[in-house]
Amino acid sequence: MLATKPATAFSLFALVGLVLGLAAPVLAQDLSAADRSAIRDVIRNQVDAFRRDDGEGAFGYASPSIRGMFGTSEIFMDMVRQGYQPVYRPRVFDFGEIVTLHGQVTQKVHVVGPDGRPVTAFYPMVRLPDGTWRIDGCFLQAPDEHQA
């Protein structure tokens, strides 16, 4: 009986270590070329769905947490139309670098919205257990305006 307790304790410790190791955040510098391409494809596909007003399609590229936050594709699309015109109807949409922001893989995109104003869109991404990528938000930042 004494011999099994240390083995059991060691097994639990190893299991906890394995679980924690699998839960470690993915960093941008660790991404493969295939992951980088998949991330860009997901974002590009969502923007294409926005352009077609395909709410179900666009909502399908959102992470489970975003889907849970909005509940339906209609509510999601209303939010995008009202607050995210640059990515809803972009004139220009050019991918920048993939970085790690706040511990999350994030794709930077240079966008010119329908009003002609440039912004940088930051797309935090999550990898699902099946290995696919989903969009976990979008943050828009106007370029720094320099005053004379």
Protein backbone atom coordinates (compact mmCIF):
# COMPACT_ATOMS: atom_id res chain seq x y z
CA MET A 1 0.00 0.00 0.00
CA LEU A 2 2.84 2.42 0.82
CA ALA A 3 4.42 1.78 -2.57
CA THR A 4 1.26 2.80 -4.45
CA LYS A 5 0.73 6.12 -2.67
CA PRO A 6 3.95 7.73 -3.96
CA ALA A 7 3.21 6.35 -7.44
CA THR A 8 -0.34 7.69 -7.29
CA ALA A 9 0.87 11.06 -6.03
CA PHE A 10 3.49 11.15 -8.77
CA SER A 11 0.88 10.23 -11.40
CA LEU A 12 -1.46 13.01 -10.23
CA PHE A 13 1.44 15.46 -10.22
CA ALA A 14 2.43 14.40 -13.75
CA LEU A 15 -1.18 14.68 -14.91
CA VAL A 16 -1.51 18.19 -13.45
CA GLY A 17 1.76 19.17 -15.12
CA LEU A 18 0.58 17.77 -18.43
CA VAL A 19 -2.74 19.63 -18.22
CA LEU A 20 -1.00 22.87 -17.29
CA GLY A 21 1.47 22.37 -20.10
CA LEU A 22 -1.33 21.93 -22.62
CA ALA A 23 -3.07 25.02 -21.32
CA ALA A 24 0.01 27.20 -21.84
CA PRO A 25 -0.71 30.16 -24.09
CA VAL A 26 0.33 30.02 -27.71
CA LEU A 27 2.77 32.79 -28.57
CA ALA A 28 2.99 34.49 -31.95
CA GLN A 29 6.62 33.53 -32.43
CA ASP A 30 5.72 29.85 -31.99
CA LEU A 31 3.13 29.78 -34.79
CA SER A 32 3.73 27.65 -37.84
CA ALA A 33 3.26 29.00 -41.35
CA ALA A 34 0.07 26.89 -41.54
CA ASP A 35 -1.29 28.52 -38.34
CA ARG A 36 -0.49 32.00 -39.67
CA SER A 37 -2.28 31.20 -42.90
CA ALA A 38 -5.27 29.69 -41.07
CA ILE A 39 -5.60 32.78 -38.86
CA ARG A 40 -5.63 35.08 -41.87
CA ASP A 41 -8.10 32.83 -43.69
CA VAL A 42 -10.55 32.93 -40.75
CA ILE A 43 -10.40 36.74 -40.57
CA ARG A 44 -10.62 37.13 -44.36
CA ASN A 45 -13.59 34.75 -44.48
CA GLN A 46 -15.41 36.68 -41.75
CA VAL A 47 -14.87 39.99 -43.56
CA ASP A 48 -16.10 38.40 -46.80
CA ALA A 49 -19.22 37.24 -44.91
CA PHE A 50 -19.73 40.81 -43.62
CA ARG A 51 -19.53 42.10 -47.20
CA ARG A 52 -22.29 39.64 -48.21
CA ASP A 53 -24.34 40.43 -45.09
CA ASP A 54 -24.07 36.73 -44.23
CA GLY A 55 -24.59 36.96 -40.47
CA GLU A 56 -24.57 33.21 -39.84
CA GLY A 57 -21.34 32.82 -41.79
CA ALA A 58 -19.64 35.73 -40.03
CA PHE A 59 -20.84 34.56 -36.61
CA GLY A 60 -19.42 31.10 -37.32
CA TYR A 61 -15.87 32.52 -37.30
CA ALA A 62 -16.31 33.95 -33.80
CA SER A 63 -14.89 32.17 -30.76
CA PRO A 64 -17.21 30.33 -28.38
CA SER A 65 -16.89 33.17 -25.84
CA ILE A 66 -17.93 35.78 -28.43
CA ARG A 67 -20.79 33.58 -29.61
CA GLY A 68 -21.92 33.18 -26.01
CA MET A 69 -21.70 36.92 -25.40
CA PHE A 70 -23.98 37.79 -28.33
CA GLY A 71 -26.13 34.67 -28.52
CA THR A 72 -27.40 35.12 -32.08
CA SER A 73 -25.95 36.15 -35.40
CA GLU A 74 -28.53 38.94 -35.65
CA ILE A 75 -27.38 40.61 -32.43
CA PHE A 76 -23.75 40.09 -33.46
CA MET A 77 -24.30 41.67 -36.88
CA ASP A 78 -26.15 44.64 -35.36
CA MET A 79 -23.14 45.29 -33.13
CA VAL A 80 -20.75 45.03 -36.09
CA ARG A 81 -22.83 47.36 -38.26
CA GLN A 82 -23.09 49.96 -35.50
CA GLY A 83 -19.61 49.89 -34.01
CA TYR A 84 -17.24 48.32 -36.51
CA GLN A 85 -17.91 49.97 -39.89
CA PRO A 86 -14.22 49.81 -40.90
CA VAL A 87 -14.23 45.99 -40.84
CA TYR A 88 -17.87 45.67 -41.86
CA ARG A 89 -17.33 47.60 -45.10
CA PRO A 90 -13.58 48.09 -45.57
CA ARG A 91 -12.15 49.91 -48.57
CA VAL A 92 -8.68 48.53 -47.77
CA PHE A 93 -7.91 45.44 -45.69
CA ASP A 94 -4.21 44.53 -45.48
CA PHE A 95 -2.77 42.02 -43.04
CA GLY A 96 0.09 43.14 -40.85
CA GLU A 97 2.12 41.15 -38.37
CA ILE A 98 0.88 38.60 -35.88
CA VAL A 99 1.89 39.54 -32.35
CA THR A 100 1.23 38.43 -28.80
CA LEU A 101 -0.87 40.99 -26.90
CA HIS A 102 -1.94 40.37 -23.33
CA GLY A 103 -0.86 36.75 -23.72
CA GLN A 104 -3.03 36.14 -26.79
CA VAL A 105 -2.08 35.61 -30.42
CA THR A 106 -3.32 38.75 -32.20
CA GLN A 107 -3.43 39.55 -35.92
CA LYS A 108 -2.90 43.21 -36.84
CA VAL A 109 -4.74 44.47 -39.92
CA HIS A 110 -4.41 47.85 -41.60
CA VAL A 111 -7.91 48.96 -42.60
CA VAL A 112 -9.40 51.93 -44.38
CA GLY A 113 -13.06 52.20 -43.54
CA PRO A 114 -15.92 53.39 -45.75
CA ASP A 115 -15.30 56.95 -44.52
CA GLY A 116 -11.74 56.88 -45.85
CA ARG A 117 -10.14 56.93 -42.40
CA PRO A 118 -7.36 54.45 -41.64
CA VAL A 119 -7.44 52.30 -38.49
CA THR A 120 -5.54 49.33 -37.20
CA ALA A 121 -7.74 46.38 -36.32
CA PHE A 122 -6.40 43.97 -33.71
CA TYR A 123 -7.90 40.47 -33.86
CA PRO A 124 -7.20 38.33 -30.77
CA MET A 125 -7.41 34.69 -31.78
CA VAL A 126 -8.07 31.43 -29.96
CA ARG A 127 -7.22 27.93 -31.07
CA LEU A 128 -10.05 25.48 -30.41
CA PRO A 129 -9.37 21.94 -29.15
CA ASP A 130 -9.76 20.62 -32.71
CA GLY A 131 -6.89 22.90 -33.83
CA THR A 132 -9.00 25.43 -35.74
CA TRP A 133 -8.71 29.16 -35.07
CA ARG A 134 -11.54 31.54 -34.17
CA ILE A 135 -11.76 35.30 -33.69
CA ASP A 136 -11.98 36.32 -30.04
CA GLY A 137 -12.75 40.00 -30.54
CA CYS A 138 -11.71 43.00 -32.58
CA PHE A 139 -10.25 46.24 -31.32
CA LEU A 140 -9.92 49.29 -33.56
CA GLN A 141 -7.21 51.87 -33.04
CA ALA A 142 -6.89 55.09 -34.99
CA PRO A 143 -3.35 56.02 -36.01
CA ASP A 144 -1.60 58.57 -33.84
CA GLU A 145 -2.46 62.02 -35.06
CA HIS A 146 0.44 64.41 -34.96
CA GLN A 147 -0.30 68.03 -34.16
CA ALA A 148 1.79 70.83 -35.63
